[in-house]
Amino acid sequence: AVVREAFSRLGYPESEIIGVGVLLLMCTALYLIPRSSIFGAILLTGFLGGAVATHVRVGDPLLYHVLFSTYIAALLWVGLYLREPRLRALVPLTS
């Protein structure tokens, strides 16, 4: 019921709930698998960017709704940076 109400308020049809959920689960699975974690992070960043755009479109409050996806994306990338040597080699923070 909560998801249906949220989708309706955001302007998405109820028929898209399962598809969006499956897409999010697939992106998360790719993020959790070490071999594909960078690709999963890129896909999740795109997904969260869509969430930001949706909340901006409906006029939700900036700090609590719009930027929440940005906070999650930042945590996602910090976590990946800490566990993924390939990413640290690509973007070294120290010289």
N, C-alpha and C. Protein backbone atom coordinates (compact mmCIF):
# COMPACT_ATOMS: atom_id res chain seq x y z
N ALA A 1 0.82 -1.19 0.00
CA ALA A 1 0.00 0.00 0.00
C ALA A 1 0.87 1.25 0.00
N VAL A 2 1.96 1.24 0.75
CA VAL A 2 2.83 2.41 0.83
C VAL A 2 3.50 2.68 -0.51
N VAL A 3 3.96 1.62 -1.15
CA VAL A 3 4.63 1.78 -2.45
C VAL A 3 3.63 2.27 -3.50
N ARG A 4 2.43 1.73 -3.48
CA ARG A 4 1.40 2.18 -4.44
C ARG A 4 1.11 3.67 -4.27
N GLU A 5 0.96 4.10 -3.03
CA GLU A 5 0.70 5.52 -2.77
C GLU A 5 1.86 6.39 -3.23
N ALA A 6 3.08 5.95 -2.96
CA ALA A 6 4.26 6.72 -3.36
C ALA A 6 4.36 6.81 -4.88
N PHE A 7 4.15 5.71 -5.58
CA PHE A 7 4.20 5.72 -7.04
C PHE A 7 3.13 6.64 -7.60
N SER A 8 1.95 6.58 -7.03
CA SER A 8 0.85 7.44 -7.49
C SER A 8 1.18 8.91 -7.28
N ARG A 9 1.71 9.24 -6.11
CA ARG A 9 2.05 10.63 -5.79
C ARG A 9 3.16 11.15 -6.71
N LEU A 10 4.07 10.27 -7.10
CA LEU A 10 5.17 10.67 -7.97
C LEU A 10 4.80 10.65 -9.45
N GLY A 11 3.60 10.19 -9.76
CA GLY A 11 3.12 10.23 -11.14
C GLY A 11 3.46 9.00 -11.97
N TYR A 12 3.78 7.90 -11.33
CA TYR A 12 4.09 6.67 -12.05
C TYR A 12 2.93 5.70 -11.94
N PRO A 13 2.66 4.94 -12.99
CA PRO A 13 1.56 3.97 -12.92
C PRO A 13 1.91 2.79 -12.00
N GLU A 14 0.88 2.26 -11.39
CA GLU A 14 1.05 1.13 -10.47
C GLU A 14 1.65 -0.08 -11.18
N SER A 15 1.42 -0.20 -12.47
CA SER A 15 1.92 -1.35 -13.22
C SER A 15 3.45 -1.37 -13.32
N GLU A 16 4.11 -0.27 -13.00
CA GLU A 16 5.57 -0.20 -13.10
C GLU A 16 6.30 -0.61 -11.82
N ILE A 17 5.56 -0.88 -10.75
CA ILE A 17 6.18 -1.17 -9.45
C ILE A 17 7.11 -2.38 -9.54
N ILE A 18 6.62 -3.47 -10.11
CA ILE A 18 7.42 -4.70 -10.17
C ILE A 18 8.66 -4.48 -11.04
N GLY A 19 8.50 -3.84 -12.17
CA GLY A 19 9.63 -3.60 -13.06
C GLY A 19 10.71 -2.75 -12.42
N VAL A 20 10.31 -1.71 -11.73
CA VAL A 20 11.28 -0.84 -11.05
C VAL A 20 11.97 -1.62 -9.92
N GLY A 21 11.22 -2.41 -9.20
CA GLY A 21 11.80 -3.22 -8.13
C GLY A 21 12.81 -4.24 -8.65
N VAL A 22 12.46 -4.91 -9.74
CA VAL A 22 13.38 -5.89 -10.33
C VAL A 22 14.64 -5.19 -10.84
N LEU A 23 14.47 -4.06 -11.49
CA LEU A 23 15.62 -3.29 -11.99
C LEU A 23 16.54 -2.89 -10.83
N LEU A 24 15.96 -2.41 -9.75
CA LEU A 24 16.76 -2.01 -8.59
C LEU A 24 17.49 -3.21 -7.97
N LEU A 25 16.81 -4.35 -7.89
CA LEU A 25 17.45 -5.56 -7.36
C LEU A 25 18.60 -6.02 -8.25
N MET A 26 18.43 -5.94 -9.56
CA MET A 26 19.49 -6.34 -10.48
C MET A 26 20.71 -5.42 -10.36
N CYS A 27 20.47 -4.12 -10.29
CA CYS A 27 21.57 -3.16 -10.13
C CYS A 27 22.29 -3.38 -8.81
N THR A 28 21.54 -3.64 -7.76
CA THR A 28 22.13 -3.88 -6.45
C THR A 28 22.95 -5.17 -6.45
N ALA A 29 22.44 -6.21 -7.11
CA ALA A 29 23.18 -7.47 -7.20
C ALA A 29 24.51 -7.26 -7.93
N LEU A 30 24.48 -6.50 -9.01
CA LEU A 30 25.73 -6.21 -9.73
C LEU A 30 26.70 -5.44 -8.84
N TYR A 31 26.19 -4.54 -8.04
CA TYR A 31 27.03 -3.77 -7.12
C TYR A 31 27.66 -4.67 -6.05
N LEU A 32 26.92 -5.66 -5.60
CA LEU A 32 27.41 -6.53 -4.53
C LEU A 32 28.40 -7.58 -5.00
N ILE A 33 28.37 -7.92 -6.29
CA ILE A 33 29.31 -8.90 -6.84
C ILE A 33 30.62 -8.18 -7.14
N PRO A 34 31.72 -8.59 -6.52
CA PRO A 34 32.97 -7.85 -6.67
C PRO A 34 33.41 -7.61 -8.12
N ARG A 35 33.25 -8.60 -8.97
CA ARG A 35 33.70 -8.47 -10.36
C ARG A 35 32.93 -7.39 -11.12
N SER A 36 31.68 -7.16 -10.79
CA SER A 36 30.85 -6.20 -11.52
C SER A 36 30.45 -5.00 -10.66
N SER A 37 31.14 -4.78 -9.55
CA SER A 37 30.71 -3.75 -8.60
C SER A 37 30.78 -2.34 -9.18
N ILE A 38 31.78 -2.04 -9.99
CA ILE A 38 31.87 -0.69 -10.57
C ILE A 38 30.71 -0.46 -11.53
N PHE A 39 30.42 -1.45 -12.37
CA PHE A 39 29.28 -1.33 -13.29
C PHE A 39 27.98 -1.18 -12.51
N GLY A 40 27.81 -1.95 -11.44
CA GLY A 40 26.62 -1.84 -10.61
C GLY A 40 26.50 -0.47 -9.98
N ALA A 41 27.63 0.10 -9.55
CA ALA A 41 27.60 1.45 -8.96
C ALA A 41 27.19 2.49 -10.00
N ILE A 42 27.66 2.33 -11.22
CA ILE A 42 27.27 3.26 -12.29
C ILE A 42 25.77 3.16 -12.55
N LEU A 43 25.25 1.94 -12.62
CA LEU A 43 23.81 1.75 -12.85
C LEU A 43 22.99 2.30 -11.69
N LEU A 44 23.41 2.05 -10.47
CA LEU A 44 22.69 2.57 -9.30
C LEU A 44 22.73 4.10 -9.26
N THR A 45 23.84 4.68 -9.69
CA THR A 45 23.93 6.14 -9.74
C THR A 45 22.92 6.70 -10.73
N GLY A 46 22.77 6.04 -11.87
CA GLY A 46 21.76 6.46 -12.84
C GLY A 46 20.35 6.31 -12.28
N PHE A 47 20.11 5.21 -11.59
CA PHE A 47 18.80 4.98 -10.98
C PHE A 47 18.50 6.07 -9.95
N LEU A 48 19.47 6.38 -9.12
CA LEU A 48 19.28 7.41 -8.09
C LEU A 48 19.17 8.80 -8.72
N GLY A 49 19.84 9.01 -9.84
CA GLY A 49 19.67 10.27 -10.57
C GLY A 49 18.24 10.44 -11.07
N GLY A 50 17.64 9.33 -11.49
CA GLY A 50 16.24 9.37 -11.89
C GLY A 50 15.33 9.70 -10.72
N ALA A 51 15.69 9.20 -9.54
CA ALA A 51 14.91 9.52 -8.34
C ALA A 51 15.00 11.01 -8.02
N VAL A 52 16.19 11.58 -8.17
CA VAL A 52 16.35 13.02 -7.94
C VAL A 52 15.48 13.80 -8.92
N ALA A 53 15.55 13.43 -10.20
CA ALA A 53 14.75 14.12 -11.22
C ALA A 53 13.26 14.01 -10.93
N THR A 54 12.81 12.85 -10.49
CA THR A 54 11.40 12.66 -10.17
C THR A 54 10.97 13.56 -9.02
N HIS A 55 11.77 13.61 -7.97
CA HIS A 55 11.41 14.44 -6.81
C HIS A 55 11.45 15.93 -7.15
N VAL A 56 12.37 16.33 -8.01
CA VAL A 56 12.40 17.74 -8.45
C VAL A 56 11.14 18.05 -9.25
N ARG A 57 10.76 17.11 -10.13
CA ARG A 57 9.59 17.31 -11.00
C ARG A 57 8.31 17.51 -10.20
N VAL A 58 8.15 16.78 -9.10
CA VAL A 58 6.91 16.90 -8.32
C VAL A 58 7.00 17.96 -7.23
N GLY A 59 8.17 18.61 -7.10
CA GLY A 59 8.30 19.70 -6.15
C GLY A 59 8.48 19.28 -4.70
N ASP A 60 9.11 18.14 -4.47
CA ASP A 60 9.36 17.69 -3.10
C ASP A 60 10.41 18.57 -2.42
N PRO A 61 10.44 18.57 -1.08
CA PRO A 61 11.44 19.36 -0.35
C PRO A 61 12.87 18.93 -0.70
N LEU A 62 13.75 19.91 -0.80
CA LEU A 62 15.11 19.66 -1.25
C LEU A 62 15.89 18.73 -0.32
N LEU A 63 16.01 19.07 0.95
CA LEU A 63 16.89 18.31 1.84
C LEU A 63 16.42 16.90 2.13
N TYR A 64 15.12 16.71 2.29
CA TYR A 64 14.62 15.42 2.74
C TYR A 64 14.28 14.46 1.62
N HIS A 65 13.89 14.95 0.48
CA HIS A 65 13.50 14.06 -0.61
C HIS A 65 14.47 14.13 -1.78
N VAL A 66 14.72 15.32 -2.27
CA VAL A 66 15.52 15.47 -3.49
C VAL A 66 16.96 15.02 -3.25
N LEU A 67 17.57 15.49 -2.19
CA LEU A 67 18.99 15.18 -1.96
C LEU A 67 19.22 13.84 -1.28
N PHE A 68 18.18 13.18 -0.81
CA PHE A 68 18.37 11.89 -0.15
C PHE A 68 19.03 10.89 -1.09
N SER A 69 18.61 10.87 -2.34
CA SER A 69 19.22 9.96 -3.32
C SER A 69 20.68 10.32 -3.56
N THR A 70 21.01 11.60 -3.49
CA THR A 70 22.39 12.03 -3.64
C THR A 70 23.23 11.54 -2.47
N TYR A 71 22.68 11.60 -1.27
CA TYR A 71 23.40 11.10 -0.09
C TYR A 71 23.67 9.60 -0.23
N ILE A 72 22.67 8.86 -0.68
CA ILE A 72 22.82 7.41 -0.85
C ILE A 72 23.89 7.12 -1.91
N ALA A 73 23.87 7.85 -3.02
CA ALA A 73 24.86 7.65 -4.08
C ALA A 73 26.27 7.94 -3.56
N ALA A 74 26.42 8.98 -2.76
CA ALA A 74 27.74 9.30 -2.20
C ALA A 74 28.23 8.17 -1.30
N LEU A 75 27.35 7.65 -0.46
CA LEU A 75 27.72 6.52 0.40
C LEU A 75 28.07 5.28 -0.42
N LEU A 76 27.33 5.05 -1.48
CA LEU A 76 27.58 3.92 -2.37
C LEU A 76 28.99 4.00 -2.94
N TRP A 77 29.38 5.19 -3.43
CA TRP A 77 30.70 5.35 -4.04
C TRP A 77 31.82 5.33 -3.00
N VAL A 78 31.59 5.89 -1.83
CA VAL A 78 32.62 5.83 -0.77
C VAL A 78 32.85 4.38 -0.37
N GLY A 79 31.78 3.63 -0.19
CA GLY A 79 31.92 2.21 0.14
C GLY A 79 32.65 1.44 -0.93
N LEU A 80 32.33 1.71 -2.17
CA LEU A 80 33.01 1.03 -3.28
C LEU A 80 34.48 1.42 -3.34
N TYR A 81 34.77 2.69 -3.12
CA TYR A 81 36.15 3.17 -3.14
C TYR A 81 36.99 2.46 -2.07
N LEU A 82 36.39 2.24 -0.91
CA LEU A 82 37.11 1.60 0.18
C LEU A 82 37.35 0.11 -0.07
N ARG A 83 36.49 -0.54 -0.83
CA ARG A 83 36.64 -1.99 -1.02
C ARG A 83 37.17 -2.40 -2.39
N GLU A 84 37.33 -1.46 -3.30
CA GLU A 84 37.68 -1.81 -4.68
C GLU A 84 39.03 -1.20 -5.08
N PRO A 85 40.09 -2.01 -5.13
CA PRO A 85 41.40 -1.48 -5.49
C PRO A 85 41.46 -0.92 -6.92
N ARG A 86 40.66 -1.46 -7.84
CA ARG A 86 40.67 -0.93 -9.21
C ARG A 86 40.19 0.51 -9.24
N LEU A 87 39.21 0.83 -8.42
CA LEU A 87 38.70 2.20 -8.37
C LEU A 87 39.72 3.13 -7.71
N ARG A 88 40.38 2.65 -6.66
CA ARG A 88 41.42 3.46 -6.02
C ARG A 88 42.59 3.71 -6.96
N ALA A 89 42.90 2.74 -7.82
CA ALA A 89 43.97 2.93 -8.81
C ALA A 89 43.55 3.94 -9.88
N LEU A 90 42.28 3.92 -10.23
CA LEU A 90 41.76 4.83 -11.25
C LEU A 90 41.65 6.26 -10.73
N VAL A 91 41.26 6.41 -9.46
CA VAL A 91 41.07 7.73 -8.85
C VAL A 91 41.87 7.78 -7.54
N PRO A 92 43.19 7.97 -7.63
CA PRO A 92 43.97 8.03 -6.39
C PRO A 92 43.75 9.36 -5.66
N LEU A 93 43.48 9.28 -4.37
CA LEU A 93 43.26 10.50 -3.58
C LEU A 93 44.56 11.07 -3.05
N THR A 94 45.61 10.26 -3.05
CA THR A 94 46.93 10.73 -2.62
C THR A 94 47.90 10.57 -3.78
N SER A 95 48.94 11.37 -3.76
CA SER A 95 49.90 11.28 -4.88
C SER A 95 51.16 10.54 -4.49
